[in-house]
Amino acid sequence: MQFSDLLVILLITAGATKAAAFFIAQAASLSRQEKLTIVTRALAIQAGVLGIFAWRGENILKTFHVSVAALEVAGGLVLLLFALQLVLGEDHSADDTPPLGVGMAVYPLGMPLLASPQSIVAVTIASTKLRDAGQGPLWLALAIVLGINAAILYGLAFFGGKKKRVDGGFSVAPVLLRVVGLLLCALAIEIMALGLRGYGILPPMPKAEAVGTAARH
């Protein structure tokens, strides 16, 4: 496993894109100090969780008699439940519902958005494959991804403005949250499908060439 492969995989699975979208929508009304506290705690949680699984991921799974496929199914289910709350949650005005506050650093920012199920699986698999060759590339890739995440989230905390409203008191935040939730639902289904394929319950995905040929016929 090459360093470039590790970096790309971790940028996709542990990147801050999903967390940033949620953070923009949910933390817009908070003070700068609260935002900075949330970002610091969420990044610390991601670093701690992924660091532990990079160090002893395989041993953790063996201790609890858990397979990678089971971790994918369980992690995907948790992510799906969270995403459904975003998509189907009831609308509340800012007057009768307090903001999540710094508690969002643990859930959902820390987990499952930053330390996501797919990132935990990716780090565990990478640490297992690199066990004999040395895990230096994995730790370097993790450090780079965490640095990029920190730059993105701290930038949003410092320069993100207040929640924008248009005529009639309409807020764009609920719309953004539902879009993010819908994308997370699709991602959660993909993660669970990977786990079910690992158990042999679902067939492998058809190759793109086969799909294209079938579509032409």
N, C-alpha and C. Protein backbone atom coordinates (compact mmCIF):
# COMPACT_ATOMS: atom_id res chain seq x y z
N MET A 1 0.84 -1.19 0.00
CA MET A 1 0.00 0.00 0.00
C MET A 1 0.88 1.24 0.00
N GLN A 2 0.78 2.02 -1.06
CA GLN A 2 1.61 3.21 -1.22
C GLN A 2 1.07 4.37 -0.38
N PHE A 3 1.98 5.31 -0.08
CA PHE A 3 1.58 6.49 0.70
C PHE A 3 0.50 7.28 -0.01
N SER A 4 0.63 7.44 -1.34
CA SER A 4 -0.37 8.20 -2.08
C SER A 4 -1.75 7.55 -1.98
N ASP A 5 -1.78 6.21 -1.99
CA ASP A 5 -3.06 5.50 -1.84
C ASP A 5 -3.66 5.78 -0.47
N LEU A 6 -2.83 5.70 0.56
CA LEU A 6 -3.30 5.97 1.92
C LEU A 6 -3.86 7.37 2.04
N LEU A 7 -3.14 8.34 1.49
CA LEU A 7 -3.56 9.74 1.61
C LEU A 7 -4.90 9.97 0.93
N VAL A 8 -5.08 9.42 -0.26
CA VAL A 8 -6.34 9.59 -0.98
C VAL A 8 -7.49 8.93 -0.21
N ILE A 9 -7.25 7.72 0.27
CA ILE A 9 -8.30 7.01 1.01
C ILE A 9 -8.71 7.77 2.26
N LEU A 10 -7.73 8.30 3.00
CA LEU A 10 -8.05 9.02 4.23
C LEU A 10 -8.69 10.38 3.94
N LEU A 11 -8.29 11.02 2.85
CA LEU A 11 -8.93 12.29 2.48
C LEU A 11 -10.41 12.06 2.17
N ILE A 12 -10.72 10.92 1.56
CA ILE A 12 -12.11 10.62 1.22
C ILE A 12 -12.91 10.20 2.46
N THR A 13 -12.32 9.33 3.26
CA THR A 13 -13.08 8.75 4.38
C THR A 13 -13.04 9.59 5.65
N ALA A 14 -11.94 10.33 5.87
CA ALA A 14 -11.79 11.09 7.12
C ALA A 14 -11.73 12.59 6.89
N GLY A 15 -11.99 13.03 5.67
CA GLY A 15 -11.97 14.46 5.39
C GLY A 15 -13.11 15.19 6.07
N ALA A 16 -13.00 16.51 6.12
CA ALA A 16 -13.94 17.32 6.91
C ALA A 16 -15.12 17.85 6.09
N THR A 17 -15.32 17.35 4.87
CA THR A 17 -16.37 17.91 4.02
C THR A 17 -17.74 17.82 4.66
N LYS A 18 -18.11 16.62 5.10
CA LYS A 18 -19.44 16.43 5.70
C LYS A 18 -19.56 17.19 7.01
N ALA A 19 -18.51 17.12 7.83
CA ALA A 19 -18.54 17.83 9.11
C ALA A 19 -18.60 19.34 8.90
N ALA A 20 -17.91 19.84 7.88
CA ALA A 20 -17.92 21.28 7.61
C ALA A 20 -19.31 21.75 7.21
N ALA A 21 -20.00 20.98 6.37
CA ALA A 21 -21.35 21.35 5.96
C ALA A 21 -22.30 21.39 7.15
N PHE A 22 -22.19 20.39 8.02
CA PHE A 22 -23.03 20.37 9.21
C PHE A 22 -22.67 21.54 10.14
N PHE A 23 -21.40 21.79 10.29
CA PHE A 23 -20.94 22.85 11.18
C PHE A 23 -21.42 24.22 10.71
N ILE A 24 -21.37 24.46 9.40
CA ILE A 24 -21.84 25.74 8.86
C ILE A 24 -23.31 25.96 9.19
N ALA A 25 -24.12 24.91 9.02
CA ALA A 25 -25.55 25.04 9.22
C ALA A 25 -25.94 25.12 10.69
N GLN A 26 -25.26 24.37 11.54
CA GLN A 26 -25.70 24.21 12.92
C GLN A 26 -25.05 25.19 13.89
N ALA A 27 -23.85 25.64 13.59
CA ALA A 27 -23.11 26.47 14.55
C ALA A 27 -23.08 27.94 14.17
N ALA A 28 -23.86 28.33 13.17
CA ALA A 28 -23.79 29.71 12.68
C ALA A 28 -24.18 30.73 13.74
N SER A 29 -25.07 30.37 14.64
CA SER A 29 -25.56 31.32 15.64
C SER A 29 -24.70 31.34 16.91
N LEU A 30 -23.68 30.51 16.99
CA LEU A 30 -22.84 30.44 18.18
C LEU A 30 -21.74 31.49 18.13
N SER A 31 -21.19 31.78 19.27
CA SER A 31 -20.09 32.75 19.34
C SER A 31 -18.82 32.13 18.79
N ARG A 32 -17.85 32.99 18.48
CA ARG A 32 -16.58 32.49 17.95
C ARG A 32 -15.88 31.57 18.95
N GLN A 33 -15.93 31.91 20.23
CA GLN A 33 -15.28 31.08 21.23
C GLN A 33 -15.92 29.71 21.33
N GLU A 34 -17.24 29.66 21.23
CA GLU A 34 -17.94 28.38 21.26
C GLU A 34 -17.57 27.54 20.03
N LYS A 35 -17.49 28.19 18.87
CA LYS A 35 -17.11 27.47 17.66
C LYS A 35 -15.70 26.90 17.78
N LEU A 36 -14.78 27.70 18.31
CA LEU A 36 -13.41 27.23 18.47
C LEU A 36 -13.33 26.05 19.44
N THR A 37 -14.11 26.11 20.50
CA THR A 37 -14.15 25.01 21.46
C THR A 37 -14.68 23.74 20.80
N ILE A 38 -15.74 23.88 20.01
CA ILE A 38 -16.33 22.73 19.33
C ILE A 38 -15.32 22.10 18.36
N VAL A 39 -14.67 22.95 17.56
CA VAL A 39 -13.71 22.44 16.58
C VAL A 39 -12.54 21.74 17.26
N THR A 40 -12.02 22.34 18.34
CA THR A 40 -10.89 21.74 19.04
C THR A 40 -11.24 20.38 19.60
N ARG A 41 -12.40 20.27 20.24
CA ARG A 41 -12.81 18.99 20.83
C ARG A 41 -13.10 17.95 19.75
N ALA A 42 -13.76 18.37 18.67
CA ALA A 42 -14.09 17.42 17.61
C ALA A 42 -12.83 16.87 16.94
N LEU A 43 -11.87 17.75 16.68
CA LEU A 43 -10.62 17.29 16.07
C LEU A 43 -9.83 16.38 17.02
N ALA A 44 -9.87 16.69 18.31
CA ALA A 44 -9.19 15.85 19.28
C ALA A 44 -9.82 14.46 19.33
N ILE A 45 -11.15 14.40 19.23
CA ILE A 45 -11.85 13.11 19.22
C ILE A 45 -11.46 12.32 17.98
N GLN A 46 -11.45 12.98 16.82
CA GLN A 46 -11.06 12.28 15.59
C GLN A 46 -9.64 11.76 15.68
N ALA A 47 -8.72 12.62 16.15
CA ALA A 47 -7.32 12.20 16.26
C ALA A 47 -7.17 11.02 17.22
N GLY A 48 -7.89 11.08 18.36
CA GLY A 48 -7.79 10.02 19.34
C GLY A 48 -8.35 8.70 18.84
N VAL A 49 -9.55 8.75 18.25
CA VAL A 49 -10.19 7.52 17.78
C VAL A 49 -9.40 6.89 16.65
N LEU A 50 -9.06 7.68 15.63
CA LEU A 50 -8.33 7.11 14.50
C LEU A 50 -6.91 6.70 14.90
N GLY A 51 -6.31 7.44 15.83
CA GLY A 51 -4.98 7.06 16.30
C GLY A 51 -5.00 5.72 17.02
N ILE A 52 -6.02 5.49 17.83
CA ILE A 52 -6.13 4.21 18.54
C ILE A 52 -6.31 3.06 17.57
N PHE A 53 -7.17 3.25 16.55
CA PHE A 53 -7.39 2.17 15.60
C PHE A 53 -6.21 1.99 14.66
N ALA A 54 -5.45 3.06 14.41
CA ALA A 54 -4.23 2.90 13.62
C ALA A 54 -3.17 2.13 14.41
N TRP A 55 -3.17 2.30 15.71
CA TRP A 55 -2.18 1.66 16.57
C TRP A 55 -2.53 0.22 16.88
N ARG A 56 -3.81 -0.02 17.26
CA ARG A 56 -4.21 -1.35 17.70
C ARG A 56 -5.58 -1.76 17.15
N GLY A 57 -5.90 -1.33 15.95
CA GLY A 57 -7.22 -1.62 15.40
C GLY A 57 -7.51 -3.10 15.27
N GLU A 58 -6.56 -3.83 14.72
CA GLU A 58 -6.77 -5.27 14.54
C GLU A 58 -6.95 -5.98 15.87
N ASN A 59 -6.16 -5.59 16.88
CA ASN A 59 -6.29 -6.21 18.20
C ASN A 59 -7.62 -5.88 18.85
N ILE A 60 -8.10 -4.65 18.64
CA ILE A 60 -9.39 -4.25 19.21
C ILE A 60 -10.50 -5.12 18.64
N LEU A 61 -10.50 -5.29 17.32
CA LEU A 61 -11.54 -6.11 16.70
C LEU A 61 -11.46 -7.55 17.17
N LYS A 62 -10.24 -8.10 17.29
CA LYS A 62 -10.10 -9.48 17.75
C LYS A 62 -10.55 -9.63 19.19
N THR A 63 -10.24 -8.64 20.04
CA THR A 63 -10.64 -8.71 21.45
C THR A 63 -12.15 -8.80 21.61
N PHE A 64 -12.87 -8.03 20.80
CA PHE A 64 -14.32 -8.02 20.89
C PHE A 64 -14.97 -8.99 19.90
N HIS A 65 -14.14 -9.80 19.23
CA HIS A 65 -14.64 -10.78 18.26
C HIS A 65 -15.54 -10.11 17.22
N VAL A 66 -15.03 -9.02 16.67
CA VAL A 66 -15.77 -8.23 15.68
C VAL A 66 -15.02 -8.28 14.36
N SER A 67 -15.73 -8.52 13.29
CA SER A 67 -15.13 -8.50 11.97
C SER A 67 -15.24 -7.12 11.36
N VAL A 68 -14.44 -6.88 10.32
CA VAL A 68 -14.52 -5.60 9.61
C VAL A 68 -15.91 -5.43 8.99
N ALA A 69 -16.48 -6.52 8.49
CA ALA A 69 -17.82 -6.44 7.90
C ALA A 69 -18.86 -6.01 8.94
N ALA A 70 -18.75 -6.56 10.15
CA ALA A 70 -19.69 -6.18 11.21
C ALA A 70 -19.51 -4.72 11.59
N LEU A 71 -18.26 -4.25 11.62
CA LEU A 71 -18.00 -2.85 11.93
C LEU A 71 -18.61 -1.94 10.87
N GLU A 72 -18.54 -2.35 9.61
CA GLU A 72 -19.14 -1.56 8.53
C GLU A 72 -20.66 -1.50 8.67
N VAL A 73 -21.28 -2.63 8.96
CA VAL A 73 -22.74 -2.65 9.09
C VAL A 73 -23.18 -1.80 10.29
N ALA A 74 -22.52 -1.99 11.44
CA ALA A 74 -22.90 -1.24 12.63
C ALA A 74 -22.63 0.26 12.46
N GLY A 75 -21.46 0.60 11.93
CA GLY A 75 -21.15 2.00 11.72
C GLY A 75 -22.08 2.65 10.72
N GLY A 76 -22.40 1.93 9.65
CA GLY A 76 -23.35 2.46 8.68
C GLY A 76 -24.73 2.67 9.26
N LEU A 77 -25.15 1.77 10.15
CA LEU A 77 -26.45 1.91 10.78
C LEU A 77 -26.51 3.14 11.68
N VAL A 78 -25.45 3.37 12.47
CA VAL A 78 -25.40 4.56 13.32
C VAL A 78 -25.45 5.82 12.47
N LEU A 79 -24.68 5.84 11.40
CA LEU A 79 -24.67 7.00 10.51
C LEU A 79 -26.03 7.20 9.85
N LEU A 80 -26.70 6.10 9.49
CA LEU A 80 -28.02 6.20 8.87
C LEU A 80 -29.04 6.78 9.84
N LEU A 81 -29.02 6.34 11.08
CA LEU A 81 -29.97 6.86 12.07
C LEU A 81 -29.77 8.36 12.28
N PHE A 82 -28.50 8.78 12.34
CA PHE A 82 -28.22 10.21 12.49
C PHE A 82 -28.70 10.98 11.26
N ALA A 83 -28.42 10.44 10.07
CA ALA A 83 -28.80 11.13 8.84
C ALA A 83 -30.32 11.24 8.72
N LEU A 84 -31.04 10.21 9.13
CA LEU A 84 -32.50 10.26 9.08
C LEU A 84 -33.05 11.34 9.99
N GLN A 85 -32.40 11.56 11.12
CA GLN A 85 -32.82 12.65 12.01
C GLN A 85 -32.68 14.00 11.32
N LEU A 86 -31.63 14.15 10.52
CA LEU A 86 -31.44 15.42 9.80
C LEU A 86 -32.49 15.60 8.72
N VAL A 87 -32.79 14.52 8.00
CA VAL A 87 -33.72 14.62 6.88
C VAL A 87 -35.16 14.74 7.34
N LEU A 88 -35.55 13.95 8.35
CA LEU A 88 -36.95 13.86 8.76
C LEU A 88 -37.26 14.66 10.01
N GLY A 89 -36.25 15.30 10.61
CA GLY A 89 -36.48 16.03 11.85
C GLY A 89 -37.49 17.14 11.68
N GLU A 90 -38.20 17.41 12.75
CA GLU A 90 -39.22 18.46 12.71
C GLU A 90 -38.56 19.82 12.67
N ASP A 91 -39.24 20.77 12.04
CA ASP A 91 -38.75 22.14 12.00
C ASP A 91 -39.04 22.83 13.31
N HIS A 92 -38.05 23.55 13.82
CA HIS A 92 -38.22 24.37 15.02
C HIS A 92 -37.59 25.72 14.76
N SER A 93 -38.22 26.74 15.25
CA SER A 93 -37.65 28.07 15.10
C SER A 93 -36.53 28.28 16.10
N ALA A 94 -35.70 29.27 15.83
CA ALA A 94 -34.58 29.55 16.71
C ALA A 94 -35.05 30.05 18.07
N ASP A 95 -36.31 30.51 18.14
CA ASP A 95 -36.81 31.07 19.40
C ASP A 95 -37.17 29.99 20.40
N ASP A 96 -37.62 28.84 19.93
CA ASP A 96 -38.08 27.82 20.89
C ASP A 96 -37.13 26.63 21.00
N THR A 97 -36.03 26.63 20.24
CA THR A 97 -35.09 25.52 20.31
C THR A 97 -33.68 26.05 20.50
N PRO A 98 -33.04 25.72 21.61
CA PRO A 98 -31.67 26.21 21.81
C PRO A 98 -30.70 25.53 20.88
N PRO A 99 -29.59 26.17 20.52
CA PRO A 99 -28.60 25.52 19.67
C PRO A 99 -27.96 24.34 20.38
N LEU A 100 -27.37 23.45 19.60
CA LEU A 100 -26.75 22.27 20.18
C LEU A 100 -25.61 22.63 21.12
N GLY A 101 -24.90 23.73 20.83
CA GLY A 101 -23.80 24.15 21.68
C GLY A 101 -22.59 23.26 21.54
N VAL A 102 -21.70 23.33 22.53
CA VAL A 102 -20.43 22.61 22.44
C VAL A 102 -20.60 21.10 22.48
N GLY A 103 -21.78 20.63 22.89
CA GLY A 103 -22.01 19.19 22.92
C GLY A 103 -21.93 18.54 21.55
N MET A 104 -22.13 19.33 20.48
CA MET A 104 -22.07 18.74 19.15
C MET A 104 -20.65 18.31 18.79
N ALA A 105 -19.65 18.72 19.57
CA ALA A 105 -18.27 18.32 19.30
C ALA A 105 -18.11 16.81 19.40
N VAL A 106 -18.82 16.20 20.36
CA VAL A 106 -18.75 14.75 20.54
C VAL A 106 -19.65 14.06 19.52
N TYR A 107 -20.91 14.46 19.50
CA TYR A 107 -21.89 13.90 18.56
C TYR A 107 -22.69 15.05 17.97
N PRO A 108 -22.70 15.21 16.68
CA PRO A 108 -22.21 14.27 15.67
C PRO A 108 -20.86 14.63 15.03
N LEU A 109 -20.26 15.77 15.40
CA LEU A 109 -19.04 16.17 14.70
C LEU A 109 -17.89 15.20 14.93
N GLY A 110 -17.57 14.93 16.21
CA GLY A 110 -16.46 14.02 16.50
C GLY A 110 -16.72 12.65 15.92
N MET A 111 -17.87 12.10 16.27
CA MET A 111 -18.36 10.83 15.72
C MET A 111 -19.86 11.00 15.48
N PRO A 112 -20.38 10.65 14.30
CA PRO A 112 -19.73 9.84 13.25
C PRO A 112 -19.25 10.64 12.04
N LEU A 113 -19.17 11.98 12.12
CA LEU A 113 -18.81 12.74 10.93
C LEU A 113 -17.31 12.80 10.67
N LEU A 114 -16.51 13.11 11.69
CA LEU A 114 -15.05 13.16 11.49
C LEU A 114 -14.43 11.78 11.66
N ALA A 115 -14.60 11.19 12.82
CA ALA A 115 -14.16 9.79 13.01
C ALA A 115 -15.28 8.90 12.49
N SER A 116 -15.41 8.85 11.18
CA SER A 116 -16.54 8.18 10.54
C SER A 116 -16.33 6.66 10.51
N PRO A 117 -17.42 5.91 10.33
CA PRO A 117 -17.26 4.45 10.27
C PRO A 117 -16.31 4.01 9.18
N GLN A 118 -16.41 4.65 8.00
CA GLN A 118 -15.54 4.22 6.91
C GLN A 118 -14.08 4.58 7.17
N SER A 119 -13.84 5.67 7.89
CA SER A 119 -12.44 6.03 8.20
C SER A 119 -11.85 5.06 9.22
N ILE A 120 -12.65 4.63 10.19
CA ILE A 120 -12.17 3.65 11.17
C ILE A 120 -11.82 2.33 10.48
N VAL A 121 -12.70 1.90 9.56
CA VAL A 121 -12.44 0.67 8.81
C VAL A 121 -11.18 0.82 7.96
N ALA A 122 -11.04 1.96 7.28
CA ALA A 122 -9.88 2.18 6.41
C ALA A 122 -8.58 2.18 7.21
N VAL A 123 -8.58 2.84 8.36
CA VAL A 123 -7.38 2.90 9.19
C VAL A 123 -7.04 1.52 9.73
N THR A 124 -8.04 0.77 10.15
CA THR A 124 -7.80 -0.57 10.68
C THR A 124 -7.21 -1.49 9.63
N ILE A 125 -7.78 -1.46 8.44
CA ILE A 125 -7.27 -2.30 7.36
C ILE A 125 -5.85 -1.89 6.98
N ALA A 126 -5.60 -0.58 6.89
CA ALA A 126 -4.27 -0.10 6.52
C ALA A 126 -3.23 -0.49 7.56
N SER A 127 -3.58 -0.37 8.82
CA SER A 127 -2.63 -0.72 9.88
C SER A 127 -2.30 -2.21 9.85
N THR A 128 -3.30 -3.03 9.48
CA THR A 128 -3.06 -4.47 9.39
C THR A 128 -2.13 -4.81 8.22
N LYS A 129 -2.37 -4.18 7.08
CA LYS A 129 -1.55 -4.45 5.90
C LYS A 129 -0.12 -3.95 6.07
N LEU A 130 0.05 -2.87 6.82
CA LEU A 130 1.38 -2.27 6.99
C LEU A 130 2.09 -2.77 8.25
N ARG A 131 1.53 -3.78 8.88
CA ARG A 131 2.08 -4.24 10.16
C ARG A 131 3.54 -4.68 10.01
N ASP A 132 3.88 -5.37 8.94
CA ASP A 132 5.24 -5.86 8.76
C ASP A 132 6.16 -4.83 8.11
N ALA A 133 5.61 -4.04 7.19
CA ALA A 133 6.43 -3.08 6.45
C ALA A 133 6.69 -1.80 7.23
N GLY A 134 5.91 -1.55 8.29
CA GLY A 134 6.06 -0.31 9.04
C GLY A 134 4.90 0.63 8.78
N GLN A 135 4.41 1.28 9.83
CA GLN A 135 3.21 2.10 9.74
C GLN A 135 3.52 3.59 9.60
N GLY A 136 4.75 3.94 9.30
CA GLY A 136 5.10 5.34 9.13
C GLY A 136 4.25 6.07 8.11
N PRO A 137 4.03 5.50 6.91
CA PRO A 137 3.19 6.17 5.93
C PRO A 137 1.76 6.42 6.41
N LEU A 138 1.22 5.48 7.17
CA LEU A 138 -0.14 5.66 7.70
C LEU A 138 -0.21 6.84 8.65
N TRP A 139 0.75 6.93 9.57
CA TRP A 139 0.76 8.03 10.53
C TRP A 139 0.97 9.37 9.83
N LEU A 140 1.80 9.40 8.81
CA LEU A 140 2.03 10.64 8.08
C LEU A 140 0.78 11.06 7.33
N ALA A 141 0.09 10.11 6.70
CA ALA A 141 -1.14 10.43 5.99
C ALA A 141 -2.21 10.92 6.96
N LEU A 142 -2.29 10.28 8.13
CA LEU A 142 -3.24 10.73 9.13
C LEU A 142 -2.95 12.16 9.58
N ALA A 143 -1.68 12.47 9.80
CA ALA A 143 -1.30 13.81 10.24
C ALA A 143 -1.66 14.86 9.19
N ILE A 144 -1.45 14.54 7.92
CA ILE A 144 -1.78 15.48 6.85
C ILE A 144 -3.28 15.73 6.79
N VAL A 145 -4.06 14.66 6.86
CA VAL A 145 -5.52 14.80 6.80
C VAL A 145 -6.04 15.60 7.99
N LEU A 146 -5.52 15.31 9.18
CA LEU A 146 -5.94 16.05 10.36
C LEU A 146 -5.56 17.52 10.24
N GLY A 147 -4.41 17.80 9.66
CA GLY A 147 -4.01 19.19 9.45
C GLY A 147 -4.94 19.91 8.50
N ILE A 148 -5.32 19.24 7.41
CA ILE A 148 -6.26 19.84 6.46
C ILE A 148 -7.61 20.07 7.12
N ASN A 149 -8.09 19.09 7.88
CA ASN A 149 -9.36 19.24 8.58
C ASN A 149 -9.32 20.42 9.55
N ALA A 150 -8.20 20.55 10.26
CA ALA A 150 -8.06 21.66 11.21
C ALA A 150 -8.10 22.99 10.49
N ALA A 151 -7.43 23.08 9.34
CA ALA A 151 -7.42 24.33 8.59
C ALA A 151 -8.83 24.70 8.13
N ILE A 152 -9.59 23.72 7.66
CA ILE A 152 -10.94 23.97 7.18
C ILE A 152 -11.86 24.40 8.32
N LEU A 153 -11.88 23.62 9.40
CA LEU A 153 -12.84 23.88 10.48
C LEU A 153 -12.47 25.12 11.28
N TYR A 154 -11.19 25.32 11.54
CA TYR A 154 -10.80 26.54 12.25
C TYR A 154 -11.06 27.77 11.37
N GLY A 155 -10.89 27.62 10.06
CA GLY A 155 -11.22 28.72 9.17
C GLY A 155 -12.69 29.08 9.24
N LEU A 156 -13.55 28.06 9.28
CA LEU A 156 -14.99 28.31 9.41
C LEU A 156 -15.32 28.93 10.76
N ALA A 157 -14.63 28.49 11.80
CA ALA A 157 -14.88 29.03 13.14
C ALA A 157 -14.48 30.50 13.23
N PHE A 158 -13.38 30.85 12.60
CA PHE A 158 -12.89 32.23 12.67
C PHE A 158 -13.66 33.17 11.76
N PHE A 159 -13.96 32.70 10.55
CA PHE A 159 -14.49 33.61 9.54
C PHE A 159 -15.95 33.35 9.19
N GLY A 160 -16.53 32.29 9.74
CA GLY A 160 -17.93 32.02 9.46
C GLY A 160 -18.83 33.09 10.05
N GLY A 161 -19.80 33.53 9.26
CA GLY A 161 -20.69 34.59 9.73
C GLY A 161 -21.88 34.05 10.49
N LYS A 162 -22.76 34.95 10.82
CA LYS A 162 -23.99 34.57 11.51
C LYS A 162 -24.97 33.95 10.52
N LYS A 163 -25.97 33.29 11.08
CA LYS A 163 -26.98 32.63 10.26
C LYS A 163 -27.73 33.65 9.41
N LYS A 164 -27.86 33.36 8.12
CA LYS A 164 -28.51 34.27 7.19
C LYS A 164 -29.99 33.94 7.08
N ARG A 165 -30.79 35.00 7.09
CA ARG A 165 -32.22 34.83 6.91
C ARG A 165 -32.69 35.74 5.79
N VAL A 166 -33.73 35.30 5.09
CA VAL A 166 -34.33 36.11 4.04
C VAL A 166 -35.72 36.51 4.48
N ASP A 167 -36.49 37.15 3.57
CA ASP A 167 -37.81 37.65 3.93
C ASP A 167 -38.69 36.54 4.51
N GLY A 168 -39.46 36.90 5.52
CA GLY A 168 -40.35 35.95 6.16
C GLY A 168 -39.67 35.11 7.22
N GLY A 169 -38.41 35.41 7.54
CA GLY A 169 -37.72 34.68 8.59
C GLY A 169 -37.23 33.31 8.16
N PHE A 170 -37.17 33.09 6.85
CA PHE A 170 -36.73 31.79 6.36
C PHE A 170 -35.22 31.64 6.55
N SER A 171 -34.81 30.49 7.05
CA SER A 171 -33.39 30.22 7.27
C SER A 171 -32.92 29.16 6.28
N VAL A 172 -31.72 29.37 5.75
CA VAL A 172 -31.16 28.40 4.81
C VAL A 172 -30.58 27.19 5.54
N ALA A 173 -30.39 27.31 6.86
CA ALA A 173 -29.76 26.22 7.62
C ALA A 173 -30.55 24.91 7.54
N PRO A 174 -31.89 24.92 7.73
CA PRO A 174 -32.62 23.64 7.64
C PRO A 174 -32.50 22.99 6.27
N VAL A 175 -32.47 23.80 5.21
CA VAL A 175 -32.32 23.24 3.86
C VAL A 175 -30.96 22.57 3.72
N LEU A 176 -29.92 23.26 4.17
CA LEU A 176 -28.57 22.70 4.08
C LEU A 176 -28.45 21.42 4.89
N LEU A 177 -29.05 21.41 6.08
CA LEU A 177 -28.99 20.21 6.92
C LEU A 177 -29.67 19.03 6.25
N ARG A 178 -30.78 19.27 5.59
CA ARG A 178 -31.49 18.17 4.94
C ARG A 178 -30.72 17.65 3.72
N VAL A 179 -30.07 18.55 2.99
CA VAL A 179 -29.24 18.10 1.87
C VAL A 179 -28.09 17.24 2.38
N VAL A 180 -27.42 17.71 3.44
CA VAL A 180 -26.33 16.94 4.04
C VAL A 180 -26.86 15.60 4.55
N GLY A 181 -28.02 15.62 5.19
CA GLY A 181 -28.61 14.39 5.72
C GLY A 181 -28.92 13.39 4.63
N LEU A 182 -29.42 13.87 3.49
CA LEU A 182 -29.73 12.96 2.38
C LEU A 182 -28.47 12.31 1.84
N LEU A 183 -27.41 13.09 1.69
CA LEU A 183 -26.13 12.54 1.22
C LEU A 183 -25.56 11.54 2.22
N LEU A 184 -25.71 11.85 3.50
CA LEU A 184 -25.22 10.93 4.53
C LEU A 184 -26.02 9.64 4.54
N CYS A 185 -27.33 9.72 4.27
CA CYS A 185 -28.15 8.50 4.17
C CYS A 185 -27.60 7.59 3.07
N ALA A 186 -27.30 8.18 1.91
CA ALA A 186 -26.77 7.39 0.81
C ALA A 186 -25.41 6.79 1.18
N LEU A 187 -24.57 7.58 1.86
CA LEU A 187 -23.26 7.06 2.27
C LEU A 187 -23.41 5.92 3.27
N ALA A 188 -24.35 6.07 4.21
CA ALA A 188 -24.57 5.03 5.20
C ALA A 188 -25.02 3.73 4.55
N ILE A 189 -25.89 3.83 3.54
CA ILE A 189 -26.33 2.63 2.82
C ILE A 189 -25.15 1.96 2.13
N GLU A 190 -24.26 2.77 1.54
CA GLU A 190 -23.08 2.22 0.87
C GLU A 190 -22.20 1.46 1.87
N ILE A 191 -21.99 2.04 3.06
CA ILE A 191 -21.15 1.40 4.07
C ILE A 191 -21.77 0.09 4.53
N MET A 192 -23.08 0.10 4.78
CA MET A 192 -23.75 -1.13 5.21
C MET A 192 -23.71 -2.18 4.10
N ALA A 193 -23.85 -1.75 2.84
CA ALA A 193 -23.79 -2.70 1.73
C ALA A 193 -22.42 -3.37 1.65
N LEU A 194 -21.36 -2.60 1.92
CA LEU A 194 -20.02 -3.18 1.93
C LEU A 194 -19.91 -4.28 2.97
N GLY A 195 -20.46 -4.01 4.16
CA GLY A 195 -20.43 -5.01 5.20
C GLY A 195 -21.24 -6.24 4.84
N LEU A 196 -22.41 -6.05 4.25
CA LEU A 196 -23.25 -7.19 3.86
C LEU A 196 -22.60 -7.99 2.75
N ARG A 197 -21.86 -7.32 1.87
CA ARG A 197 -21.11 -8.06 0.84
C ARG A 197 -19.99 -8.87 1.49
N GLY A 198 -19.41 -8.31 2.55
CA GLY A 198 -18.38 -9.04 3.26
C GLY A 198 -18.90 -10.34 3.86
N TYR A 199 -20.17 -10.34 4.27
CA TYR A 199 -20.80 -11.56 4.78
C TYR A 199 -21.31 -12.46 3.66
N GLY A 200 -21.29 -11.99 2.43
CA GLY A 200 -21.81 -12.77 1.33
C GLY A 200 -23.30 -12.66 1.17
N ILE A 201 -23.95 -11.76 1.92
CA ILE A 201 -25.41 -11.61 1.83
C ILE A 201 -25.80 -10.91 0.54
N LEU A 202 -25.01 -9.91 0.14
CA LEU A 202 -25.25 -9.20 -1.11
C LEU A 202 -24.20 -9.62 -2.13
N PRO A 203 -24.57 -9.66 -3.40
CA PRO A 203 -23.59 -10.00 -4.44
C PRO A 203 -22.65 -8.82 -4.66
N PRO A 204 -21.48 -9.07 -5.25
CA PRO A 204 -20.55 -7.97 -5.55
C PRO A 204 -21.18 -6.99 -6.52
N MET A 205 -20.71 -5.73 -6.45
CA MET A 205 -21.18 -4.72 -7.40
C MET A 205 -20.71 -5.08 -8.80
N PRO A 206 -21.60 -4.96 -9.81
CA PRO A 206 -21.16 -5.24 -11.18
C PRO A 206 -20.14 -4.22 -11.64
N LYS A 207 -19.22 -4.64 -12.48
CA LYS A 207 -18.21 -3.72 -13.00
C LYS A 207 -18.88 -2.71 -13.94
N ALA A 208 -18.23 -1.55 -14.04
CA ALA A 208 -18.81 -0.47 -14.85
C ALA A 208 -18.97 -0.90 -16.30
N GLU A 209 -18.02 -1.71 -16.81
CA GLU A 209 -18.12 -2.15 -18.19
C GLU A 209 -19.34 -3.02 -18.41
N ALA A 210 -19.60 -3.91 -17.45
CA ALA A 210 -20.75 -4.79 -17.57
C ALA A 210 -22.06 -4.00 -17.51
N VAL A 211 -22.09 -3.01 -16.63
CA VAL A 211 -23.30 -2.17 -16.51
C VAL A 211 -23.55 -1.43 -17.82
N GLY A 212 -22.47 -0.86 -18.40
CA GLY A 212 -22.62 -0.13 -19.65
C GLY A 212 -23.10 -1.02 -20.79
N THR A 213 -22.57 -2.24 -20.86
CA THR A 213 -22.99 -3.17 -21.90
C THR A 213 -24.44 -3.56 -21.75
N ALA A 214 -24.85 -3.81 -20.48
CA ALA A 214 -26.26 -4.17 -20.23
C ALA A 214 -27.18 -3.01 -20.59
N ALA A 215 -26.76 -1.80 -20.32
CA ALA A 215 -27.61 -0.64 -20.61
C ALA A 215 -27.79 -0.46 -22.12
N ARG A 216 -26.71 -0.76 -22.89
CA ARG A 216 -26.82 -0.60 -24.34
C ARG A 216 -27.75 -1.63 -24.96
N HIS A 217 -27.85 -2.79 -24.29
CA HIS A 217 -28.73 -3.83 -24.83
C HIS A 217 -30.13 -3.73 -24.26
